[in-house]
Structures are given as structure tokens and as C-alpha cells.
Amino acid sequence: MLVRDANISDFDEITNIYNYYIKNTVITFEEELVSKEEMIKRFEKLKNTKLPWIVAQVDGKIVGYAYAHFWHDRSAYRFTVEPSVYLNHEFIGKGAGKILYKQLIEQLKSLGIKNLLSLITVPNEASIGLHKKFGFEKVGHLPDVGFKFDKWLCVEFWQLKL
């Protein structure tokens, strides 16, 4: 498995991966599919901040991606980011998520980031398990803050101090 920086040519596959989660899961609270152009716009905005956006490839195919964005715009939050990892659903449980998250965390550490705050829609044992493996701790629970697929959804905050 090759992990590298994302580039514009990856965004057909990245968009397909993300849209799967919009359409089929509550992992993201987005409800409308996004275009490739919108995903590229998000990528370019993030790249201007110098934060990483990486992909994992197997046999030339993008099997997942990871990135982080600043927690909030205000300057006092400049050392805190929210990381995200999305995998092609056919590659879940095959180690790509761990590889991507490890690389993302290493890059964030090298940039001087001190805190990672992940929001996890619960229940989601796979995501919680991944976060625990990297030392994240649950720091909060927000009941019924999202509504998707005709049901109320809870979110947990998980934090890793680097």
C-alpha cells in the first residue's frame, strides 16, 4: 500500500468514496451528494492552510484518504485540528485506515499540532476502536444533535493530545 499526498487527479475516486458515506451511512452528516468540483474546492482550501490531505493506493486504485482541518477559525485554535479518514467500503477492515491515520498523525505532529478532536457518530465501534488504538480518549457526548435517515443521531468527541 502506497500512502502519498493527494492531488487533483485523485478526486474522481475520492468523491466516489465520500459520496458512498453520504448516501449510505450516518458517518457524515452531509445529506446531499457532493460534486468532484466541490471536493476539489475543499481540498484547495485545506492545502492553503498547509494541513495534509493524503491518499492510500493499492494497485493504482485509491482505497482511502485522510485529512485534517482546523477546529475553528479563531487564532487560539491554531494548534487543534479535526482529522477525518474515509475508506473505500470494500477495503474496510484491511488495515488501510490504520496506515492512513498513523501517517496523518505523524504529519500533523511535524506541523506543531497539539490536539486532535474527532467527532464520531455513535454507535460506531469500528471508528471508536481505531481512535482508541491511537490513544484518543472520549471527552464528550452530544445527544441527538443530528437528524439523518429519519432518526436522531448522537456524536461523541474523542481527543488525542500530541
N, C-alpha and C. Protein backbone atom coordinates (compact mmCIF):
# COMPACT_ATOMS: atom_id res chain seq x y z
N MET A 1 0.85 -1.18 0.00
CA MET A 1 0.00 0.00 0.00
C MET A 1 0.89 1.24 0.00
N LEU A 2 0.59 2.13 -0.90
CA LEU A 2 1.33 3.39 -1.03
C LEU A 2 0.49 4.50 -0.41
N VAL A 3 1.11 5.30 0.47
CA VAL A 3 0.46 6.49 1.02
C VAL A 3 1.21 7.69 0.49
N ARG A 4 0.47 8.65 -0.04
CA ARG A 4 1.09 9.83 -0.63
C ARG A 4 0.14 11.01 -0.50
N ASP A 5 0.67 12.19 -0.81
CA ASP A 5 -0.17 13.39 -0.83
C ASP A 5 -1.20 13.27 -1.94
N ALA A 6 -2.39 13.75 -1.67
CA ALA A 6 -3.45 13.76 -2.68
C ALA A 6 -3.14 14.81 -3.73
N ASN A 7 -3.65 14.58 -4.94
CA ASN A 7 -3.58 15.58 -5.99
C ASN A 7 -4.90 15.62 -6.74
N ILE A 8 -5.05 16.61 -7.57
CA ILE A 8 -6.33 16.84 -8.25
C ILE A 8 -6.81 15.61 -9.03
N SER A 9 -5.91 14.85 -9.60
CA SER A 9 -6.33 13.69 -10.40
C SER A 9 -6.94 12.57 -9.55
N ASP A 10 -6.84 12.65 -8.23
CA ASP A 10 -7.41 11.63 -7.34
C ASP A 10 -8.89 11.86 -7.04
N PHE A 11 -9.43 12.99 -7.48
CA PHE A 11 -10.73 13.38 -6.94
C PHE A 11 -11.95 12.71 -7.55
N ASP A 12 -11.82 12.00 -8.64
CA ASP A 12 -12.94 11.14 -9.06
C ASP A 12 -13.15 10.07 -8.01
N GLU A 13 -12.05 9.39 -7.63
CA GLU A 13 -12.14 8.30 -6.66
C GLU A 13 -12.47 8.81 -5.26
N ILE A 14 -11.84 9.90 -4.85
CA ILE A 14 -12.12 10.47 -3.52
C ILE A 14 -13.59 10.85 -3.41
N THR A 15 -14.13 11.50 -4.43
CA THR A 15 -15.53 11.90 -4.41
C THR A 15 -16.45 10.69 -4.34
N ASN A 16 -16.13 9.64 -5.08
CA ASN A 16 -16.94 8.42 -5.03
C ASN A 16 -16.92 7.80 -3.63
N ILE A 17 -15.75 7.77 -3.01
CA ILE A 17 -15.64 7.21 -1.66
C ILE A 17 -16.53 8.02 -0.71
N TYR A 18 -16.39 9.33 -0.73
CA TYR A 18 -17.14 10.17 0.20
C TYR A 18 -18.65 10.09 -0.05
N ASN A 19 -19.05 10.11 -1.31
CA ASN A 19 -20.48 10.05 -1.62
C ASN A 19 -21.11 8.74 -1.16
N TYR A 20 -20.35 7.66 -1.14
CA TYR A 20 -20.88 6.41 -0.59
C TYR A 20 -21.33 6.62 0.85
N TYR A 21 -20.51 7.32 1.64
CA TYR A 21 -20.83 7.54 3.05
C TYR A 21 -22.00 8.50 3.22
N ILE A 22 -22.11 9.49 2.35
CA ILE A 22 -23.26 10.40 2.41
C ILE A 22 -24.54 9.61 2.14
N LYS A 23 -24.51 8.81 1.10
CA LYS A 23 -25.70 8.10 0.65
C LYS A 23 -26.12 6.94 1.56
N ASN A 24 -25.15 6.26 2.17
CA ASN A 24 -25.43 5.00 2.85
C ASN A 24 -25.20 4.96 4.35
N THR A 25 -24.64 6.02 4.93
CA THR A 25 -24.29 5.94 6.35
C THR A 25 -24.61 7.25 7.08
N VAL A 26 -24.47 7.19 8.38
CA VAL A 26 -24.60 8.39 9.21
C VAL A 26 -23.23 8.87 9.69
N ILE A 27 -22.17 8.33 9.11
CA ILE A 27 -20.82 8.73 9.50
C ILE A 27 -20.59 10.20 9.21
N THR A 28 -21.11 10.67 8.10
CA THR A 28 -21.10 12.11 7.80
C THR A 28 -22.53 12.62 7.91
N PHE A 29 -22.67 13.84 8.37
CA PHE A 29 -24.00 14.43 8.48
C PHE A 29 -24.40 15.15 7.20
N GLU A 30 -23.55 15.12 6.19
CA GLU A 30 -23.98 15.66 4.90
C GLU A 30 -25.07 14.75 4.36
N GLU A 31 -26.05 15.36 3.69
CA GLU A 31 -27.17 14.58 3.16
C GLU A 31 -27.27 14.63 1.64
N GLU A 32 -26.65 15.62 1.03
CA GLU A 32 -26.67 15.76 -0.42
C GLU A 32 -25.31 15.34 -0.98
N LEU A 33 -25.32 14.54 -2.05
CA LEU A 33 -24.07 14.13 -2.67
C LEU A 33 -23.29 15.37 -3.11
N VAL A 34 -21.97 15.26 -3.06
CA VAL A 34 -21.13 16.39 -3.46
C VAL A 34 -20.49 16.11 -4.81
N SER A 35 -20.23 17.16 -5.53
CA SER A 35 -19.59 17.03 -6.84
C SER A 35 -18.08 16.94 -6.68
N LYS A 36 -17.45 16.46 -7.72
CA LYS A 36 -15.99 16.43 -7.75
C LYS A 36 -15.45 17.85 -7.60
N GLU A 37 -16.09 18.80 -8.25
CA GLU A 37 -15.64 20.19 -8.18
C GLU A 37 -15.70 20.73 -6.75
N GLU A 38 -16.75 20.37 -6.02
CA GLU A 38 -16.87 20.79 -4.62
C GLU A 38 -15.77 20.16 -3.77
N MET A 39 -15.49 18.90 -4.01
CA MET A 39 -14.43 18.22 -3.24
C MET A 39 -13.07 18.86 -3.55
N ILE A 40 -12.83 19.20 -4.81
CA ILE A 40 -11.57 19.87 -5.16
C ILE A 40 -11.49 21.23 -4.48
N LYS A 41 -12.59 21.94 -4.43
CA LYS A 41 -12.62 23.24 -3.75
C LYS A 41 -12.25 23.09 -2.27
N ARG A 42 -12.78 22.07 -1.62
CA ARG A 42 -12.45 21.80 -0.22
C ARG A 42 -10.96 21.46 -0.07
N PHE A 43 -10.47 20.65 -0.99
CA PHE A 43 -9.06 20.26 -0.99
C PHE A 43 -8.16 21.48 -1.13
N GLU A 44 -8.46 22.34 -2.10
CA GLU A 44 -7.63 23.52 -2.34
C GLU A 44 -7.65 24.48 -1.15
N LYS A 45 -8.80 24.64 -0.53
CA LYS A 45 -8.89 25.49 0.66
C LYS A 45 -8.01 24.92 1.78
N LEU A 46 -8.05 23.63 1.96
CA LEU A 46 -7.25 22.99 3.00
C LEU A 46 -5.76 23.08 2.68
N LYS A 47 -5.40 22.85 1.44
CA LYS A 47 -3.98 22.91 1.07
C LYS A 47 -3.40 24.28 1.33
N ASN A 48 -4.19 25.33 1.22
CA ASN A 48 -3.72 26.68 1.52
C ASN A 48 -3.36 26.85 2.99
N THR A 49 -3.87 25.99 3.87
CA THR A 49 -3.55 26.05 5.29
C THR A 49 -2.29 25.25 5.63
N LYS A 50 -1.77 24.51 4.66
CA LYS A 50 -0.60 23.63 4.82
C LYS A 50 -0.91 22.35 5.59
N LEU A 51 -2.18 22.10 5.90
CA LEU A 51 -2.55 20.85 6.55
C LEU A 51 -2.60 19.72 5.52
N PRO A 52 -2.30 18.49 5.93
CA PRO A 52 -2.21 17.38 4.97
C PRO A 52 -3.56 16.86 4.49
N TRP A 53 -3.53 16.36 3.26
CA TRP A 53 -4.61 15.56 2.67
C TRP A 53 -3.87 14.45 1.95
N ILE A 54 -4.02 13.22 2.43
CA ILE A 54 -3.26 12.09 1.89
C ILE A 54 -4.20 11.01 1.39
N VAL A 55 -3.68 10.16 0.52
CA VAL A 55 -4.44 9.03 0.00
C VAL A 55 -3.63 7.74 0.17
N ALA A 56 -4.37 6.64 0.22
CA ALA A 56 -3.76 5.31 0.20
C ALA A 56 -4.14 4.66 -1.12
N GLN A 57 -3.14 4.05 -1.76
CA GLN A 57 -3.35 3.40 -3.06
C GLN A 57 -2.94 1.94 -2.99
N VAL A 58 -3.73 1.10 -3.66
CA VAL A 58 -3.38 -0.30 -3.86
C VAL A 58 -3.55 -0.58 -5.35
N ASP A 59 -2.49 -1.05 -5.98
CA ASP A 59 -2.52 -1.34 -7.42
C ASP A 59 -3.07 -0.16 -8.23
N GLY A 60 -2.66 1.05 -7.86
CA GLY A 60 -3.06 2.25 -8.59
C GLY A 60 -4.44 2.77 -8.25
N LYS A 61 -5.18 2.08 -7.38
CA LYS A 61 -6.54 2.49 -7.03
C LYS A 61 -6.53 3.16 -5.66
N ILE A 62 -7.23 4.29 -5.54
CA ILE A 62 -7.36 4.97 -4.25
C ILE A 62 -8.31 4.14 -3.38
N VAL A 63 -7.81 3.70 -2.24
CA VAL A 63 -8.63 2.88 -1.33
C VAL A 63 -9.06 3.65 -0.09
N GLY A 64 -8.52 4.86 0.06
CA GLY A 64 -8.92 5.69 1.19
C GLY A 64 -8.18 7.00 1.18
N TYR A 65 -8.66 7.91 2.01
CA TYR A 65 -7.99 9.20 2.13
C TYR A 65 -8.18 9.72 3.54
N ALA A 66 -7.29 10.63 3.92
CA ALA A 66 -7.35 11.24 5.26
C ALA A 66 -6.90 12.69 5.15
N TYR A 67 -7.45 13.50 6.00
CA TYR A 67 -7.07 14.91 6.04
C TYR A 67 -7.42 15.45 7.41
N ALA A 68 -7.01 16.67 7.67
CA ALA A 68 -7.40 17.35 8.90
C ALA A 68 -7.66 18.82 8.57
N HIS A 69 -8.61 19.40 9.26
CA HIS A 69 -8.86 20.83 9.11
C HIS A 69 -8.87 21.46 10.50
N PHE A 70 -8.61 22.74 10.53
CA PHE A 70 -8.58 23.43 11.81
C PHE A 70 -9.94 23.34 12.50
N TRP A 71 -9.88 23.17 13.82
CA TRP A 71 -11.09 23.00 14.61
C TRP A 71 -12.01 24.21 14.47
N HIS A 72 -11.46 25.38 14.58
CA HIS A 72 -12.20 26.63 14.40
C HIS A 72 -11.27 27.66 13.77
N ASP A 73 -11.85 28.72 13.24
CA ASP A 73 -11.07 29.74 12.56
C ASP A 73 -10.29 30.66 13.49
N ARG A 74 -10.75 30.85 14.69
CA ARG A 74 -10.09 31.80 15.59
C ARG A 74 -8.67 31.35 15.91
N SER A 75 -7.77 32.31 16.01
CA SER A 75 -6.33 32.01 16.10
C SER A 75 -5.95 31.17 17.30
N ALA A 76 -6.66 31.28 18.39
CA ALA A 76 -6.30 30.49 19.58
C ALA A 76 -6.46 28.99 19.35
N TYR A 77 -7.22 28.61 18.33
CA TYR A 77 -7.40 27.19 17.99
C TYR A 77 -6.37 26.67 16.99
N ARG A 78 -5.35 27.44 16.69
CA ARG A 78 -4.43 27.11 15.60
C ARG A 78 -3.63 25.82 15.82
N PHE A 79 -3.64 25.28 17.02
CA PHE A 79 -2.92 24.03 17.29
C PHE A 79 -3.87 22.84 17.43
N THR A 80 -5.14 23.03 17.08
CA THR A 80 -6.16 21.99 17.23
C THR A 80 -6.83 21.74 15.88
N VAL A 81 -6.87 20.47 15.49
CA VAL A 81 -7.49 20.10 14.22
C VAL A 81 -8.49 18.97 14.42
N GLU A 82 -9.36 18.82 13.42
CA GLU A 82 -10.28 17.69 13.35
C GLU A 82 -9.84 16.79 12.21
N PRO A 83 -9.40 15.57 12.53
CA PRO A 83 -8.97 14.65 11.48
C PRO A 83 -10.15 13.83 10.94
N SER A 84 -10.02 13.39 9.70
CA SER A 84 -11.02 12.52 9.09
C SER A 84 -10.32 11.47 8.24
N VAL A 85 -10.88 10.27 8.25
CA VAL A 85 -10.41 9.17 7.41
C VAL A 85 -11.63 8.54 6.76
N TYR A 86 -11.56 8.35 5.45
CA TYR A 86 -12.62 7.67 4.71
C TYR A 86 -11.99 6.59 3.84
N LEU A 87 -12.59 5.40 3.87
CA LEU A 87 -12.09 4.28 3.09
C LEU A 87 -13.12 3.84 2.06
N ASN A 88 -12.62 3.36 0.93
CA ASN A 88 -13.49 2.64 0.01
C ASN A 88 -14.11 1.52 0.84
N HIS A 89 -15.43 1.40 0.83
CA HIS A 89 -16.10 0.45 1.72
C HIS A 89 -15.64 -0.99 1.50
N GLU A 90 -15.08 -1.30 0.35
CA GLU A 90 -14.57 -2.65 0.09
C GLU A 90 -13.25 -2.92 0.81
N PHE A 91 -12.62 -1.87 1.34
CA PHE A 91 -11.33 -2.02 2.00
C PHE A 91 -11.40 -1.83 3.51
N ILE A 92 -12.60 -1.74 4.05
CA ILE A 92 -12.75 -1.61 5.49
C ILE A 92 -12.27 -2.89 6.16
N GLY A 93 -11.50 -2.74 7.23
CA GLY A 93 -11.02 -3.90 7.98
C GLY A 93 -9.75 -4.52 7.41
N LYS A 94 -9.13 -3.87 6.44
CA LYS A 94 -7.92 -4.43 5.82
C LYS A 94 -6.66 -3.65 6.17
N GLY A 95 -6.75 -2.74 7.14
CA GLY A 95 -5.57 -2.03 7.63
C GLY A 95 -5.31 -0.68 7.02
N ALA A 96 -6.04 -0.31 5.99
CA ALA A 96 -5.79 0.99 5.33
C ALA A 96 -6.08 2.16 6.27
N GLY A 97 -7.12 2.04 7.07
CA GLY A 97 -7.47 3.12 7.99
C GLY A 97 -6.36 3.38 9.00
N LYS A 98 -5.78 2.32 9.53
CA LYS A 98 -4.68 2.47 10.50
C LYS A 98 -3.46 3.10 9.84
N ILE A 99 -3.15 2.66 8.64
CA ILE A 99 -1.98 3.19 7.94
C ILE A 99 -2.17 4.68 7.64
N LEU A 100 -3.34 5.04 7.14
CA LEU A 100 -3.62 6.44 6.84
C LEU A 100 -3.60 7.30 8.10
N TYR A 101 -4.25 6.82 9.16
CA TYR A 101 -4.31 7.62 10.39
C TYR A 101 -2.92 7.81 10.99
N LYS A 102 -2.11 6.77 10.96
CA LYS A 102 -0.75 6.87 11.50
C LYS A 102 0.03 7.94 10.74
N GLN A 103 -0.04 7.90 9.42
CA GLN A 103 0.69 8.87 8.60
C GLN A 103 0.15 10.28 8.82
N LEU A 104 -1.17 10.42 8.90
CA LEU A 104 -1.77 11.73 9.13
C LEU A 104 -1.31 12.31 10.47
N ILE A 105 -1.34 11.50 11.51
CA ILE A 105 -0.93 11.97 12.83
C ILE A 105 0.54 12.37 12.83
N GLU A 106 1.38 11.60 12.18
CA GLU A 106 2.81 11.95 12.10
C GLU A 106 3.01 13.29 11.40
N GLN A 107 2.28 13.52 10.31
CA GLN A 107 2.40 14.79 9.60
C GLN A 107 1.89 15.95 10.44
N LEU A 108 0.80 15.75 11.14
CA LEU A 108 0.25 16.81 11.99
C LEU A 108 1.21 17.15 13.13
N LYS A 109 1.81 16.12 13.70
CA LYS A 109 2.79 16.33 14.77
C LYS A 109 3.96 17.18 14.26
N SER A 110 4.43 16.87 13.06
CA SER A 110 5.56 17.61 12.49
C SER A 110 5.21 19.07 12.20
N LEU A 111 3.93 19.37 12.07
CA LEU A 111 3.48 20.74 11.83
C LEU A 111 3.25 21.51 13.14
N GLY A 112 3.48 20.85 14.27
CA GLY A 112 3.29 21.51 15.56
C GLY A 112 1.88 21.47 16.10
N ILE A 113 1.03 20.65 15.50
CA ILE A 113 -0.34 20.49 16.01
C ILE A 113 -0.28 19.78 17.36
N LYS A 114 -1.09 20.23 18.30
CA LYS A 114 -1.05 19.69 19.67
C LYS A 114 -2.28 18.87 20.04
N ASN A 115 -3.41 19.13 19.39
CA ASN A 115 -4.65 18.44 19.73
C ASN A 115 -5.39 17.99 18.49
N LEU A 116 -5.88 16.76 18.52
CA LEU A 116 -6.78 16.25 17.50
C LEU A 116 -8.12 16.00 18.17
N LEU A 117 -9.18 16.57 17.61
CA LEU A 117 -10.54 16.37 18.11
C LEU A 117 -11.36 15.70 17.03
N SER A 118 -11.78 14.47 17.28
CA SER A 118 -12.59 13.74 16.32
C SER A 118 -14.04 13.71 16.78
N LEU A 119 -14.94 13.91 15.86
CA LEU A 119 -16.37 13.74 16.12
C LEU A 119 -16.77 12.41 15.52
N ILE A 120 -17.36 11.55 16.33
CA ILE A 120 -17.77 10.22 15.88
C ILE A 120 -19.26 10.07 16.11
N THR A 121 -20.00 9.79 15.04
CA THR A 121 -21.41 9.46 15.19
C THR A 121 -21.48 8.10 15.86
N VAL A 122 -22.27 8.00 16.91
CA VAL A 122 -22.36 6.74 17.65
C VAL A 122 -23.76 6.17 17.54
N PRO A 123 -23.82 4.82 17.53
CA PRO A 123 -22.71 3.87 17.71
C PRO A 123 -21.87 3.72 16.45
N ASN A 124 -20.59 3.48 16.65
CA ASN A 124 -19.65 3.22 15.56
C ASN A 124 -18.41 2.56 16.16
N GLU A 125 -18.53 1.29 16.46
CA GLU A 125 -17.45 0.58 17.15
C GLU A 125 -16.15 0.54 16.35
N ALA A 126 -16.24 0.47 15.02
CA ALA A 126 -15.03 0.43 14.20
C ALA A 126 -14.23 1.72 14.36
N SER A 127 -14.91 2.86 14.28
CA SER A 127 -14.23 4.14 14.41
C SER A 127 -13.71 4.34 15.83
N ILE A 128 -14.51 4.00 16.82
CA ILE A 128 -14.07 4.12 18.21
C ILE A 128 -12.85 3.24 18.45
N GLY A 129 -12.86 2.03 17.91
CA GLY A 129 -11.71 1.12 18.06
C GLY A 129 -10.46 1.70 17.43
N LEU A 130 -10.58 2.29 16.25
CA LEU A 130 -9.44 2.91 15.58
C LEU A 130 -8.89 4.05 16.43
N HIS A 131 -9.77 4.88 16.93
CA HIS A 131 -9.33 6.02 17.74
C HIS A 131 -8.65 5.56 19.04
N LYS A 132 -9.20 4.54 19.68
CA LYS A 132 -8.58 4.01 20.90
C LYS A 132 -7.18 3.48 20.63
N LYS A 133 -6.99 2.83 19.48
CA LYS A 133 -5.67 2.29 19.13
C LYS A 133 -4.61 3.38 19.07
N PHE A 134 -5.02 4.59 18.70
CA PHE A 134 -4.07 5.69 18.60
C PHE A 134 -4.01 6.54 19.86
N GLY A 135 -4.74 6.14 20.89
CA GLY A 135 -4.65 6.85 22.17
C GLY A 135 -5.66 7.95 22.39
N PHE A 136 -6.63 8.08 21.49
CA PHE A 136 -7.69 9.06 21.70
C PHE A 136 -8.50 8.68 22.94
N GLU A 137 -9.02 9.69 23.60
CA GLU A 137 -9.90 9.48 24.76
C GLU A 137 -11.22 10.19 24.52
N LYS A 138 -12.29 9.55 24.96
CA LYS A 138 -13.61 10.18 24.84
C LYS A 138 -13.67 11.35 25.82
N VAL A 139 -14.04 12.52 25.31
CA VAL A 139 -14.10 13.72 26.15
C VAL A 139 -15.48 14.38 26.15
N GLY A 140 -16.43 13.81 25.41
CA GLY A 140 -17.75 14.41 25.42
C GLY A 140 -18.77 13.62 24.62
N HIS A 141 -20.02 13.84 24.94
CA HIS A 141 -21.13 13.18 24.26
C HIS A 141 -22.24 14.21 24.03
N LEU A 142 -22.67 14.34 22.79
CA LEU A 142 -23.75 15.26 22.43
C LEU A 142 -24.94 14.46 21.94
N PRO A 143 -25.98 14.36 22.74
CA PRO A 143 -27.14 13.56 22.34
C PRO A 143 -28.02 14.26 21.30
N ASP A 144 -28.47 13.50 20.32
CA ASP A 144 -29.50 13.95 19.37
C ASP A 144 -29.19 15.29 18.72
N VAL A 145 -27.96 15.44 18.20
CA VAL A 145 -27.59 16.71 17.56
C VAL A 145 -27.70 16.66 16.04
N GLY A 146 -27.85 15.48 15.47
CA GLY A 146 -28.01 15.34 14.03
C GLY A 146 -29.27 14.56 13.71
N PHE A 147 -29.81 14.80 12.53
CA PHE A 147 -31.00 14.09 12.09
C PHE A 147 -30.80 13.68 10.65
N LYS A 148 -30.68 12.38 10.42
CA LYS A 148 -30.45 11.85 9.08
C LYS A 148 -31.13 10.50 8.98
N PHE A 149 -31.65 10.19 7.82
CA PHE A 149 -32.36 8.92 7.59
C PHE A 149 -33.50 8.73 8.60
N ASP A 150 -34.19 9.83 8.89
CA ASP A 150 -35.36 9.82 9.78
C ASP A 150 -35.07 9.37 11.21
N LYS A 151 -33.85 9.63 11.67
CA LYS A 151 -33.56 9.32 13.08
C LYS A 151 -32.59 10.33 13.66
N TRP A 152 -32.70 10.53 14.96
CA TRP A 152 -31.80 11.41 15.69
C TRP A 152 -30.50 10.69 15.95
N LEU A 153 -29.41 11.44 15.86
CA LEU A 153 -28.08 10.86 15.98
C LEU A 153 -27.26 11.58 17.05
N CYS A 154 -26.47 10.79 17.75
CA CYS A 154 -25.59 11.32 18.79
C CYS A 154 -24.16 11.36 18.27
N VAL A 155 -23.38 12.27 18.82
CA VAL A 155 -21.98 12.42 18.44
C VAL A 155 -21.14 12.41 19.71
N GLU A 156 -19.99 11.75 19.61
CA GLU A 156 -19.01 11.80 20.70
C GLU A 156 -17.78 12.55 20.24
N PHE A 157 -17.16 13.26 21.17
CA PHE A 157 -15.88 13.90 20.95
C PHE A 157 -14.78 13.00 21.48
N TRP A 158 -13.77 12.75 20.66
CA TRP A 158 -12.60 11.97 21.06
C TRP A 158 -11.36 12.84 20.82
N GLN A 159 -10.49 12.92 21.81
CA GLN A 159 -9.34 13.81 21.75
C GLN A 159 -8.03 13.04 21.90
N LEU A 160 -7.06 13.46 21.09
CA LEU A 160 -5.68 12.98 21.22
C LEU A 160 -4.79 14.18 21.41
N LYS A 161 -4.05 14.18 22.53
CA LYS A 161 -3.08 15.24 22.79
C LYS A 161 -1.73 14.74 22.29
N LEU A 162 -1.15 15.47 21.34
CA LEU A 162 0.13 15.07 20.76
C LEU A 162 1.29 15.58 21.59
